[in-house]
Amino acid sequence: MDVGNRPSAEADYLQLLREARAGSREALGKVLEACRRVLLREACKLLPPDLQAKESCSDLVQDTFLEAQRDFDQFQGNRPEDLRAWLLSILRNNFGNLVRAYRINKKRQIDREIRLDDERPGPDIERILAAFTPSPAAQAMQQEEAERVHLALARLPEAYRLLITLRFHKDLTYDEIARRFACSPTTVRKALARALRLFSLEYH
């Protein structure tokens, strides 16, 4: 659905918006998908070449959609341009988080960088995240390390915190998380991989 090129497009959009607000995941997906090209253009304009080697424009847009699906009840607009503006604000906020994680975090060592499209978490990530789960191992961890875990999680984008919480704290499967976000399990795996990479950068 292109919300700007056909006379009936806005009526179609309003109908889908009503259905999305009534709980239709399919309608919500269509409403968001109509904004993909606008978001991709903005993402590619924002991301410099060195960051595009780590986070693609499509990844940034997909993360934006994940947050939008989770927080759609906060969207108060009714016009297509309202939705685009709301999504662009989420995308720009996510971009700012990327810049901070990859350029402002002085603790990061260049030789420890790992491309974000590598879906395998670092060898100590699951051990570290044990501090975030209500397990005997978590209880045995030193308080200082547990605090570092929570501080690192607090610095992540909200969507990434939620993914880590659902996977490691709630112990949900990829399929279960995908249903929560109205996306595919593959999308969840890739987004969680990026979340773990950013967590690792914030933690170390």
N, C-alpha and C. Protein backbone atom coordinates (compact mmCIF):
# COMPACT_ATOMS: atom_id res chain seq x y z
N MET A 1 0.84 -1.20 0.00
CA MET A 1 0.00 0.00 0.00
C MET A 1 0.87 1.24 0.00
N ASP A 2 0.72 2.10 -0.98
CA ASP A 2 1.41 3.38 -1.02
C ASP A 2 0.42 4.44 -0.56
N VAL A 3 0.72 5.08 0.57
CA VAL A 3 -0.25 5.98 1.16
C VAL A 3 -0.24 7.36 0.53
N GLY A 4 0.53 7.56 -0.53
CA GLY A 4 0.58 8.90 -1.07
C GLY A 4 0.25 9.03 -2.53
N ASN A 5 0.06 7.95 -3.29
CA ASN A 5 -0.03 8.06 -4.73
C ASN A 5 -1.41 7.79 -5.31
N ARG A 6 -2.38 7.29 -4.53
CA ARG A 6 -3.69 7.00 -5.07
C ARG A 6 -4.76 7.74 -4.28
N PRO A 7 -5.84 8.17 -4.96
CA PRO A 7 -6.89 8.90 -4.24
C PRO A 7 -7.48 8.11 -3.08
N SER A 8 -7.58 6.79 -3.25
CA SER A 8 -8.18 5.97 -2.19
C SER A 8 -7.16 5.50 -1.17
N ALA A 9 -5.90 5.87 -1.35
CA ALA A 9 -4.86 5.33 -0.49
C ALA A 9 -5.06 5.73 0.96
N GLU A 10 -5.45 6.97 1.20
CA GLU A 10 -5.61 7.41 2.58
C GLU A 10 -6.78 6.69 3.25
N ALA A 11 -7.85 6.45 2.50
CA ALA A 11 -8.97 5.70 3.06
C ALA A 11 -8.54 4.28 3.40
N ASP A 12 -7.75 3.67 2.51
CA ASP A 12 -7.22 2.33 2.79
C ASP A 12 -6.36 2.35 4.05
N TYR A 13 -5.53 3.39 4.14
CA TYR A 13 -4.64 3.52 5.30
C TYR A 13 -5.45 3.63 6.59
N LEU A 14 -6.48 4.47 6.58
CA LEU A 14 -7.28 4.66 7.79
C LEU A 14 -7.98 3.37 8.21
N GLN A 15 -8.43 2.59 7.22
CA GLN A 15 -9.06 1.31 7.55
C GLN A 15 -8.05 0.36 8.18
N LEU A 16 -6.85 0.29 7.59
CA LEU A 16 -5.82 -0.57 8.16
C LEU A 16 -5.41 -0.08 9.55
N LEU A 17 -5.36 1.23 9.72
CA LEU A 17 -4.99 1.78 11.02
C LEU A 17 -6.01 1.39 12.09
N ARG A 18 -7.29 1.45 11.73
CA ARG A 18 -8.32 1.03 12.69
C ARG A 18 -8.16 -0.45 13.04
N GLU A 19 -7.89 -1.26 12.03
CA GLU A 19 -7.72 -2.70 12.29
C GLU A 19 -6.48 -2.96 13.14
N ALA A 20 -5.41 -2.21 12.85
CA ALA A 20 -4.18 -2.38 13.63
C ALA A 20 -4.41 -2.01 15.09
N ARG A 21 -5.13 -0.93 15.31
CA ARG A 21 -5.41 -0.52 16.69
C ARG A 21 -6.38 -1.47 17.39
N ALA A 22 -7.13 -2.21 16.60
CA ALA A 22 -8.02 -3.22 17.17
C ALA A 22 -7.30 -4.53 17.46
N GLY A 23 -6.01 -4.59 17.09
CA GLY A 23 -5.22 -5.77 17.42
C GLY A 23 -4.80 -6.63 16.26
N SER A 24 -5.08 -6.20 15.02
CA SER A 24 -4.71 -7.01 13.86
C SER A 24 -3.22 -6.84 13.56
N ARG A 25 -2.45 -7.92 13.73
CA ARG A 25 -1.02 -7.88 13.43
C ARG A 25 -0.78 -7.75 11.93
N GLU A 26 -1.66 -8.38 11.16
CA GLU A 26 -1.51 -8.30 9.70
C GLU A 26 -1.68 -6.86 9.22
N ALA A 27 -2.70 -6.17 9.74
CA ALA A 27 -2.93 -4.78 9.35
C ALA A 27 -1.77 -3.90 9.79
N LEU A 28 -1.27 -4.14 10.99
CA LEU A 28 -0.14 -3.35 11.48
C LEU A 28 1.08 -3.54 10.59
N GLY A 29 1.32 -4.79 10.19
CA GLY A 29 2.45 -5.05 9.30
C GLY A 29 2.33 -4.30 7.99
N LYS A 30 1.12 -4.24 7.43
CA LYS A 30 0.91 -3.53 6.17
C LYS A 30 1.11 -2.02 6.33
N VAL A 31 0.62 -1.48 7.44
CA VAL A 31 0.77 -0.05 7.69
C VAL A 31 2.24 0.33 7.81
N LEU A 32 3.00 -0.49 8.53
CA LEU A 32 4.42 -0.20 8.70
C LEU A 32 5.18 -0.40 7.39
N GLU A 33 4.84 -1.46 6.68
CA GLU A 33 5.55 -1.77 5.43
C GLU A 33 5.42 -0.64 4.42
N ALA A 34 4.31 0.08 4.46
CA ALA A 34 4.11 1.20 3.53
C ALA A 34 5.15 2.29 3.74
N CYS A 35 5.80 2.30 4.90
CA CYS A 35 6.79 3.34 5.21
C CYS A 35 8.22 2.86 5.01
N ARG A 36 8.40 1.62 4.56
CA ARG A 36 9.75 1.06 4.50
C ARG A 36 10.68 1.88 3.61
N ARG A 37 10.23 2.28 2.43
CA ARG A 37 11.12 3.00 1.52
C ARG A 37 11.59 4.33 2.11
N VAL A 38 10.67 5.04 2.76
CA VAL A 38 11.04 6.31 3.40
C VAL A 38 12.08 6.07 4.48
N LEU A 39 11.87 5.04 5.28
CA LEU A 39 12.81 4.74 6.36
C LEU A 39 14.16 4.27 5.82
N LEU A 40 14.14 3.48 4.75
CA LEU A 40 15.40 3.03 4.16
C LEU A 40 16.21 4.20 3.63
N ARG A 41 15.54 5.14 2.98
CA ARG A 41 16.26 6.32 2.47
C ARG A 41 16.90 7.09 3.62
N GLU A 42 16.15 7.26 4.70
CA GLU A 42 16.68 8.01 5.84
C GLU A 42 17.82 7.25 6.51
N ALA A 43 17.67 5.94 6.64
CA ALA A 43 18.71 5.13 7.28
C ALA A 43 20.01 5.20 6.48
N CYS A 44 19.90 5.08 5.16
CA CYS A 44 21.10 5.12 4.32
C CYS A 44 21.73 6.51 4.30
N LYS A 45 20.91 7.53 4.48
CA LYS A 45 21.45 8.89 4.56
C LYS A 45 22.19 9.11 5.88
N LEU A 46 21.67 8.52 6.95
CA LEU A 46 22.28 8.70 8.27
C LEU A 46 23.54 7.87 8.46
N LEU A 47 23.50 6.62 8.01
CA LEU A 47 24.60 5.70 8.29
C LEU A 47 25.81 6.00 7.42
N PRO A 48 26.95 6.37 8.00
CA PRO A 48 28.17 6.54 7.21
C PRO A 48 28.71 5.19 6.78
N PRO A 49 29.59 5.17 5.78
CA PRO A 49 30.08 3.88 5.25
C PRO A 49 30.69 2.97 6.31
N ASP A 50 31.43 3.53 7.27
CA ASP A 50 32.08 2.66 8.25
C ASP A 50 31.06 1.96 9.14
N LEU A 51 29.95 2.64 9.46
CA LEU A 51 28.92 1.99 10.27
C LEU A 51 28.07 1.04 9.44
N GLN A 52 27.94 1.31 8.14
CA GLN A 52 27.18 0.39 7.29
C GLN A 52 27.87 -0.95 7.17
N ALA A 53 29.17 -1.00 7.46
CA ALA A 53 29.88 -2.28 7.46
C ALA A 53 29.48 -3.13 8.65
N LYS A 54 28.85 -2.51 9.65
CA LYS A 54 28.48 -3.23 10.87
C LYS A 54 26.97 -3.35 11.03
N GLU A 55 26.24 -2.35 10.60
CA GLU A 55 24.78 -2.33 10.72
C GLU A 55 24.22 -1.83 9.40
N SER A 56 23.50 -2.67 8.69
CA SER A 56 22.98 -2.27 7.39
C SER A 56 21.78 -1.34 7.55
N CYS A 57 21.45 -0.64 6.48
CA CYS A 57 20.26 0.22 6.49
C CYS A 57 19.01 -0.61 6.78
N SER A 58 18.94 -1.79 6.19
CA SER A 58 17.78 -2.66 6.42
C SER A 58 17.68 -3.09 7.87
N ASP A 59 18.83 -3.36 8.50
CA ASP A 59 18.82 -3.74 9.92
C ASP A 59 18.26 -2.61 10.78
N LEU A 60 18.68 -1.39 10.48
CA LEU A 60 18.21 -0.24 11.25
C LEU A 60 16.70 -0.06 11.09
N VAL A 61 16.20 -0.27 9.87
CA VAL A 61 14.76 -0.18 9.63
C VAL A 61 14.02 -1.30 10.35
N GLN A 62 14.57 -2.51 10.30
CA GLN A 62 13.90 -3.64 10.95
C GLN A 62 13.83 -3.44 12.46
N ASP A 63 14.89 -2.91 13.05
CA ASP A 63 14.86 -2.61 14.48
C ASP A 63 13.80 -1.57 14.80
N THR A 64 13.64 -0.61 13.89
CA THR A 64 12.61 0.42 14.07
C THR A 64 11.22 -0.21 14.04
N PHE A 65 11.01 -1.14 13.12
CA PHE A 65 9.72 -1.83 13.04
C PHE A 65 9.45 -2.64 14.32
N LEU A 66 10.48 -3.28 14.85
CA LEU A 66 10.29 -4.06 16.07
C LEU A 66 9.82 -3.17 17.21
N GLU A 67 10.44 -2.01 17.36
CA GLU A 67 10.02 -1.09 18.41
C GLU A 67 8.62 -0.55 18.15
N ALA A 68 8.34 -0.25 16.88
CA ALA A 68 7.02 0.28 16.55
C ALA A 68 5.92 -0.74 16.82
N GLN A 69 6.18 -2.01 16.52
CA GLN A 69 5.19 -3.05 16.80
C GLN A 69 4.95 -3.19 18.29
N ARG A 70 6.01 -3.08 19.05
CA ARG A 70 5.87 -3.20 20.50
C ARG A 70 5.13 -2.00 21.11
N ASP A 71 5.40 -0.80 20.59
CA ASP A 71 4.89 0.43 21.21
C ASP A 71 3.77 1.08 20.40
N PHE A 72 3.11 0.32 19.54
CA PHE A 72 2.14 0.93 18.63
C PHE A 72 1.00 1.61 19.38
N ASP A 73 0.69 1.14 20.57
CA ASP A 73 -0.39 1.78 21.33
C ASP A 73 -0.04 3.21 21.74
N GLN A 74 1.24 3.58 21.62
CA GLN A 74 1.66 4.94 21.95
C GLN A 74 1.51 5.90 20.77
N PHE A 75 1.28 5.36 19.59
CA PHE A 75 1.11 6.21 18.41
C PHE A 75 -0.28 6.83 18.44
N GLN A 76 -0.33 8.16 18.45
CA GLN A 76 -1.60 8.87 18.59
C GLN A 76 -2.09 9.52 17.30
N GLY A 77 -1.29 9.48 16.25
CA GLY A 77 -1.67 10.17 15.02
C GLY A 77 -2.69 9.39 14.20
N ASN A 78 -3.19 10.05 13.16
CA ASN A 78 -4.16 9.41 12.26
C ASN A 78 -3.76 9.52 10.80
N ARG A 79 -2.88 10.44 10.47
CA ARG A 79 -2.51 10.65 9.08
C ARG A 79 -1.26 9.84 8.72
N PRO A 80 -1.09 9.49 7.45
CA PRO A 80 0.12 8.78 7.04
C PRO A 80 1.39 9.53 7.42
N GLU A 81 1.36 10.86 7.28
CA GLU A 81 2.56 11.64 7.62
C GLU A 81 2.85 11.60 9.12
N ASP A 82 1.80 11.43 9.94
CA ASP A 82 2.02 11.28 11.38
C ASP A 82 2.79 9.99 11.67
N LEU A 83 2.39 8.93 10.99
CA LEU A 83 3.06 7.65 11.19
C LEU A 83 4.51 7.72 10.72
N ARG A 84 4.73 8.32 9.55
CA ARG A 84 6.10 8.44 9.05
C ARG A 84 6.97 9.22 10.03
N ALA A 85 6.43 10.32 10.55
CA ALA A 85 7.20 11.13 11.50
C ALA A 85 7.52 10.34 12.76
N TRP A 86 6.56 9.57 13.24
CA TRP A 86 6.77 8.76 14.44
C TRP A 86 7.84 7.70 14.21
N LEU A 87 7.75 7.02 13.07
CA LEU A 87 8.74 5.99 12.76
C LEU A 87 10.13 6.59 12.55
N LEU A 88 10.19 7.74 11.90
CA LEU A 88 11.49 8.38 11.69
C LEU A 88 12.13 8.79 13.01
N SER A 89 11.32 9.20 13.97
CA SER A 89 11.88 9.56 15.27
C SER A 89 12.47 8.34 15.97
N ILE A 90 11.81 7.19 15.83
CA ILE A 90 12.35 5.95 16.41
C ILE A 90 13.65 5.57 15.70
N LEU A 91 13.64 5.66 14.38
CA LEU A 91 14.83 5.30 13.61
C LEU A 91 16.02 6.19 13.99
N ARG A 92 15.79 7.48 14.10
CA ARG A 92 16.89 8.40 14.43
C ARG A 92 17.41 8.15 15.84
N ASN A 93 16.51 7.79 16.74
CA ASN A 93 16.95 7.45 18.09
C ASN A 93 17.82 6.19 18.08
N ASN A 94 17.41 5.20 17.29
CA ASN A 94 18.21 3.98 17.17
C ASN A 94 19.57 4.28 16.55
N PHE A 95 19.59 5.17 15.57
CA PHE A 95 20.86 5.56 14.97
C PHE A 95 21.77 6.21 16.01
N GLY A 96 21.21 7.07 16.84
CA GLY A 96 22.01 7.69 17.89
C GLY A 96 22.60 6.67 18.85
N ASN A 97 21.82 5.63 19.15
CA ASN A 97 22.33 4.57 20.01
C ASN A 97 23.49 3.83 19.36
N LEU A 98 23.40 3.62 18.05
CA LEU A 98 24.49 2.95 17.35
C LEU A 98 25.77 3.78 17.39
N VAL A 99 25.63 5.06 17.14
CA VAL A 99 26.80 5.95 17.17
C VAL A 99 27.45 5.91 18.54
N ARG A 100 26.62 5.97 19.57
CA ARG A 100 27.18 5.95 20.93
C ARG A 100 27.88 4.63 21.20
N ALA A 101 27.27 3.52 20.78
CA ALA A 101 27.84 2.21 21.07
C ALA A 101 29.16 1.99 20.35
N TYR A 102 29.27 2.49 19.12
CA TYR A 102 30.45 2.18 18.31
C TYR A 102 31.50 3.28 18.29
N ARG A 103 31.15 4.48 18.73
CA ARG A 103 32.13 5.56 18.65
C ARG A 103 32.41 6.23 19.98
N ILE A 104 31.42 6.31 20.85
CA ILE A 104 31.61 7.01 22.11
C ILE A 104 32.09 6.06 23.20
N ASN A 105 31.78 4.79 23.07
CA ASN A 105 32.20 3.81 24.06
C ASN A 105 33.70 3.60 23.97
N LYS A 106 34.45 4.27 24.85
CA LYS A 106 35.91 4.24 24.77
C LYS A 106 36.49 2.91 25.24
N LYS A 107 35.69 2.11 25.91
CA LYS A 107 36.20 0.83 26.39
C LYS A 107 36.34 -0.20 25.28
N ARG A 108 35.66 0.06 24.17
CA ARG A 108 35.70 -0.92 23.08
C ARG A 108 37.08 -0.97 22.46
N GLN A 109 37.59 -2.15 22.25
CA GLN A 109 38.87 -2.36 21.59
C GLN A 109 38.63 -2.74 20.14
N ILE A 110 39.36 -2.09 19.22
CA ILE A 110 39.14 -2.32 17.80
C ILE A 110 39.33 -3.78 17.43
N ASP A 111 40.33 -4.43 18.00
CA ASP A 111 40.59 -5.81 17.62
C ASP A 111 39.56 -6.79 18.15
N ARG A 112 38.58 -6.29 18.95
CA ARG A 112 37.54 -7.16 19.46
C ARG A 112 36.23 -6.94 18.73
N GLU A 113 36.23 -6.06 17.73
CA GLU A 113 35.00 -5.81 16.99
C GLU A 113 34.59 -7.07 16.24
N ILE A 114 33.30 -7.31 16.22
CA ILE A 114 32.73 -8.44 15.50
C ILE A 114 31.59 -7.91 14.65
N ARG A 115 31.54 -8.31 13.39
CA ARG A 115 30.46 -7.84 12.53
C ARG A 115 29.11 -8.25 13.10
N LEU A 116 28.15 -7.34 13.01
CA LEU A 116 26.84 -7.59 13.60
C LEU A 116 26.06 -8.67 12.87
N ASP A 117 26.47 -9.02 11.65
CA ASP A 117 25.72 -10.06 10.96
C ASP A 117 26.20 -11.46 11.35
N ASP A 118 27.20 -11.56 12.23
CA ASP A 118 27.60 -12.84 12.80
C ASP A 118 26.61 -13.16 13.91
N GLU A 119 25.84 -14.23 13.77
CA GLU A 119 24.76 -14.49 14.71
C GLU A 119 25.22 -15.26 15.94
N ARG A 120 26.49 -15.62 16.03
CA ARG A 120 26.93 -16.37 17.19
C ARG A 120 27.36 -15.42 18.29
N PRO A 121 26.77 -15.49 19.48
CA PRO A 121 27.18 -14.60 20.56
C PRO A 121 28.58 -14.92 21.03
N GLY A 122 29.22 -13.95 21.66
CA GLY A 122 30.56 -14.16 22.20
C GLY A 122 30.55 -15.27 23.23
N PRO A 123 31.70 -15.86 23.51
CA PRO A 123 31.76 -17.04 24.38
C PRO A 123 31.30 -16.78 25.80
N ASP A 124 31.37 -15.52 26.27
CA ASP A 124 31.01 -15.27 27.66
C ASP A 124 29.67 -14.58 27.81
N ILE A 125 28.94 -14.35 26.71
CA ILE A 125 27.71 -13.58 26.79
C ILE A 125 26.66 -14.29 27.65
N GLU A 126 26.46 -15.58 27.42
CA GLU A 126 25.43 -16.27 28.19
C GLU A 126 25.81 -16.37 29.66
N ARG A 127 27.10 -16.52 29.94
CA ARG A 127 27.52 -16.55 31.35
C ARG A 127 27.24 -15.20 32.00
N ILE A 128 27.56 -14.12 31.29
CA ILE A 128 27.33 -12.79 31.83
C ILE A 128 25.85 -12.55 32.08
N LEU A 129 25.03 -12.98 31.12
CA LEU A 129 23.59 -12.74 31.24
C LEU A 129 22.96 -13.62 32.31
N ALA A 130 23.70 -14.56 32.86
CA ALA A 130 23.18 -15.34 33.99
C ALA A 130 22.84 -14.42 35.16
N ALA A 131 23.52 -13.28 35.24
CA ALA A 131 23.24 -12.33 36.32
C ALA A 131 21.88 -11.70 36.16
N PHE A 132 21.33 -11.80 34.94
CA PHE A 132 20.04 -11.17 34.67
C PHE A 132 18.90 -12.15 34.82
N THR A 133 19.21 -13.43 35.07
CA THR A 133 18.17 -14.45 35.18
C THR A 133 18.07 -14.94 36.61
N PRO A 134 16.87 -15.32 37.04
CA PRO A 134 16.68 -15.76 38.43
C PRO A 134 17.12 -17.20 38.63
N SER A 135 18.40 -17.47 38.47
CA SER A 135 18.92 -18.82 38.59
C SER A 135 19.92 -18.89 39.74
N PRO A 136 20.25 -20.10 40.22
CA PRO A 136 21.27 -20.21 41.26
C PRO A 136 22.59 -19.60 40.84
N ALA A 137 22.93 -19.73 39.54
CA ALA A 137 24.18 -19.14 39.07
C ALA A 137 24.15 -17.63 39.24
N ALA A 138 23.00 -17.03 38.94
CA ALA A 138 22.89 -15.58 39.07
C ALA A 138 23.06 -15.16 40.52
N GLN A 139 22.46 -15.91 41.43
CA GLN A 139 22.54 -15.56 42.84
C GLN A 139 23.96 -15.66 43.36
N ALA A 140 24.75 -16.54 42.75
CA ALA A 140 26.12 -16.75 43.21
C ALA A 140 27.09 -15.72 42.66
N MET A 141 26.68 -14.96 41.65
CA MET A 141 27.58 -13.99 41.05
C MET A 141 27.83 -12.85 42.00
N GLN A 142 28.99 -12.25 41.89
CA GLN A 142 29.31 -11.12 42.74
C GLN A 142 28.42 -9.94 42.40
N GLN A 143 28.10 -9.14 43.42
CA GLN A 143 27.20 -8.01 43.23
C GLN A 143 27.73 -7.03 42.20
N GLU A 144 29.03 -6.83 42.19
CA GLU A 144 29.61 -5.87 41.25
C GLU A 144 29.36 -6.27 39.81
N GLU A 145 29.52 -7.55 39.50
CA GLU A 145 29.30 -7.99 38.13
C GLU A 145 27.83 -7.90 37.76
N ALA A 146 26.95 -8.24 38.72
CA ALA A 146 25.51 -8.14 38.46
C ALA A 146 25.13 -6.70 38.14
N GLU A 147 25.72 -5.75 38.86
CA GLU A 147 25.42 -4.34 38.60
C GLU A 147 25.91 -3.92 37.22
N ARG A 148 27.06 -4.45 36.81
CA ARG A 148 27.57 -4.14 35.47
C ARG A 148 26.61 -4.65 34.40
N VAL A 149 26.05 -5.83 34.63
CA VAL A 149 25.09 -6.38 33.67
C VAL A 149 23.89 -5.46 33.53
N HIS A 150 23.34 -5.04 34.65
CA HIS A 150 22.14 -4.21 34.60
C HIS A 150 22.43 -2.83 34.01
N LEU A 151 23.61 -2.30 34.28
CA LEU A 151 23.97 -1.01 33.68
C LEU A 151 24.12 -1.14 32.17
N ALA A 152 24.75 -2.23 31.72
CA ALA A 152 24.91 -2.45 30.28
C ALA A 152 23.56 -2.62 29.61
N LEU A 153 22.66 -3.37 30.24
CA LEU A 153 21.33 -3.54 29.68
C LEU A 153 20.57 -2.22 29.62
N ALA A 154 20.74 -1.40 30.64
CA ALA A 154 20.03 -0.12 30.68
C ALA A 154 20.45 0.81 29.56
N ARG A 155 21.66 0.63 29.04
CA ARG A 155 22.14 1.50 27.96
C ARG A 155 21.72 1.02 26.58
N LEU A 156 21.10 -0.15 26.50
CA LEU A 156 20.65 -0.67 25.20
C LEU A 156 19.33 -0.02 24.79
N PRO A 157 19.06 0.02 23.47
CA PRO A 157 17.72 0.43 23.03
C PRO A 157 16.66 -0.47 23.66
N GLU A 158 15.48 0.07 23.86
CA GLU A 158 14.43 -0.67 24.57
C GLU A 158 14.09 -1.99 23.88
N ALA A 159 14.05 -1.97 22.56
CA ALA A 159 13.70 -3.21 21.84
C ALA A 159 14.73 -4.30 22.10
N TYR A 160 16.01 -3.91 22.17
CA TYR A 160 17.06 -4.90 22.44
C TYR A 160 16.96 -5.42 23.87
N ARG A 161 16.67 -4.53 24.82
CA ARG A 161 16.49 -4.99 26.20
C ARG A 161 15.35 -6.00 26.28
N LEU A 162 14.27 -5.70 25.56
CA LEU A 162 13.11 -6.60 25.60
C LEU A 162 13.45 -7.95 24.99
N LEU A 163 14.17 -7.95 23.88
CA LEU A 163 14.55 -9.22 23.25
C LEU A 163 15.39 -10.07 24.20
N ILE A 164 16.37 -9.45 24.85
CA ILE A 164 17.22 -10.19 25.79
C ILE A 164 16.40 -10.69 26.97
N THR A 165 15.48 -9.85 27.45
CA THR A 165 14.63 -10.26 28.57
C THR A 165 13.78 -11.47 28.20
N LEU A 166 13.14 -11.40 27.04
CA LEU A 166 12.26 -12.50 26.63
C LEU A 166 13.04 -13.79 26.40
N ARG A 167 14.25 -13.66 25.85
CA ARG A 167 15.03 -14.86 25.53
C ARG A 167 15.70 -15.46 26.76
N PHE A 168 16.33 -14.61 27.58
CA PHE A 168 17.14 -15.13 28.68
C PHE A 168 16.42 -15.14 30.03
N HIS A 169 15.50 -14.21 30.23
CA HIS A 169 14.79 -14.15 31.50
C HIS A 169 13.48 -14.94 31.44
N LYS A 170 12.70 -14.71 30.37
CA LYS A 170 11.44 -15.42 30.21
C LYS A 170 11.61 -16.78 29.55
N ASP A 171 12.80 -17.01 28.96
CA ASP A 171 13.13 -18.29 28.32
C ASP A 171 12.17 -18.62 27.19
N LEU A 172 11.76 -17.60 26.42
CA LEU A 172 10.89 -17.83 25.28
C LEU A 172 11.70 -18.33 24.09
N THR A 173 11.08 -19.11 23.24
CA THR A 173 11.73 -19.56 22.02
C THR A 173 11.70 -18.45 20.98
N TYR A 174 12.47 -18.63 19.90
CA TYR A 174 12.45 -17.65 18.81
C TYR A 174 11.05 -17.53 18.22
N ASP A 175 10.36 -18.66 18.09
CA ASP A 175 9.01 -18.64 17.54
C ASP A 175 8.06 -17.84 18.43
N GLU A 176 8.18 -18.03 19.74
CA GLU A 176 7.30 -17.32 20.67
C GLU A 176 7.58 -15.82 20.65
N ILE A 177 8.85 -15.45 20.58
CA ILE A 177 9.19 -14.03 20.51
C ILE A 177 8.70 -13.44 19.19
N ALA A 178 8.84 -14.20 18.11
CA ALA A 178 8.39 -13.73 16.80
C ALA A 178 6.90 -13.42 16.81
N ARG A 179 6.12 -14.25 17.49
CA ARG A 179 4.69 -13.98 17.57
C ARG A 179 4.41 -12.71 18.35
N ARG A 180 5.21 -12.44 19.37
CA ARG A 180 5.02 -11.21 20.15
C ARG A 180 5.26 -9.97 19.30
N PHE A 181 6.25 -10.06 18.39
CA PHE A 181 6.63 -8.91 17.57
C PHE A 181 5.99 -8.93 16.18
N ALA A 182 5.21 -9.96 15.89
CA ALA A 182 4.58 -10.09 14.57
C ALA A 182 5.63 -10.07 13.45
N CYS A 183 6.67 -10.87 13.63
CA CYS A 183 7.71 -10.97 12.61
C CYS A 183 8.16 -12.43 12.54
N SER A 184 9.17 -12.70 11.72
CA SER A 184 9.62 -14.07 11.55
C SER A 184 10.67 -14.44 12.60
N PRO A 185 10.82 -15.74 12.90
CA PRO A 185 11.88 -16.17 13.82
C PRO A 185 13.27 -15.77 13.33
N THR A 186 13.47 -15.76 12.01
CA THR A 186 14.76 -15.34 11.47
C THR A 186 15.06 -13.88 11.83
N THR A 187 14.05 -13.03 11.73
CA THR A 187 14.21 -11.63 12.11
C THR A 187 14.57 -11.53 13.59
N VAL A 188 13.93 -12.33 14.41
CA VAL A 188 14.23 -12.32 15.85
C VAL A 188 15.67 -12.74 16.10
N ARG A 189 16.12 -13.81 15.44
CA ARG A 189 17.49 -14.28 15.64
C ARG A 189 18.50 -13.21 15.27
N LYS A 190 18.28 -12.54 14.15
CA LYS A 190 19.22 -11.51 13.71
C LYS A 190 19.20 -10.31 14.65
N ALA A 191 18.01 -9.90 15.07
CA ALA A 191 17.91 -8.76 15.98
C ALA A 191 18.53 -9.10 17.33
N LEU A 192 18.31 -10.32 17.81
CA LEU A 192 18.90 -10.72 19.08
C LEU A 192 20.41 -10.77 18.98
N ALA A 193 20.93 -11.22 17.83
CA ALA A 193 22.38 -11.23 17.64
C ALA A 193 22.94 -9.81 17.75
N ARG A 194 22.26 -8.84 17.14
CA ARG A 194 22.72 -7.45 17.24
C ARG A 194 22.61 -6.96 18.68
N ALA A 195 21.54 -7.36 19.36
CA ALA A 195 21.37 -6.96 20.76
C ALA A 195 22.51 -7.49 21.62
N LEU A 196 22.91 -8.73 21.39
CA LEU A 196 23.99 -9.33 22.17
C LEU A 196 25.32 -8.67 21.87
N ARG A 197 25.53 -8.28 20.60
CA ARG A 197 26.78 -7.60 20.26
C ARG A 197 26.86 -6.25 20.96
N LEU A 198 25.76 -5.50 20.93
CA LEU A 198 25.76 -4.20 21.60
C LEU A 198 25.90 -4.36 23.11
N PHE A 199 25.25 -5.39 23.65
CA PHE A 199 25.41 -5.65 25.08
C PHE A 199 26.87 -5.92 25.42
N SER A 200 27.53 -6.72 24.58
CA SER A 200 28.93 -7.04 24.83
C SER A 200 29.80 -5.78 24.82
N LEU A 201 29.53 -4.87 23.87
CA LEU A 201 30.29 -3.63 23.80
C LEU A 201 30.05 -2.77 25.03
N GLU A 202 28.81 -2.72 25.49
CA GLU A 202 28.49 -1.90 26.66
C GLU A 202 29.06 -2.51 27.94
N TYR A 203 29.11 -3.82 27.99
CA TYR A 203 29.55 -4.50 29.22
C TYR A 203 31.06 -4.41 29.40
N HIS A 204 31.81 -4.57 28.30
CA HIS A 204 33.27 -4.64 28.43
C HIS A 204 33.90 -3.27 28.47
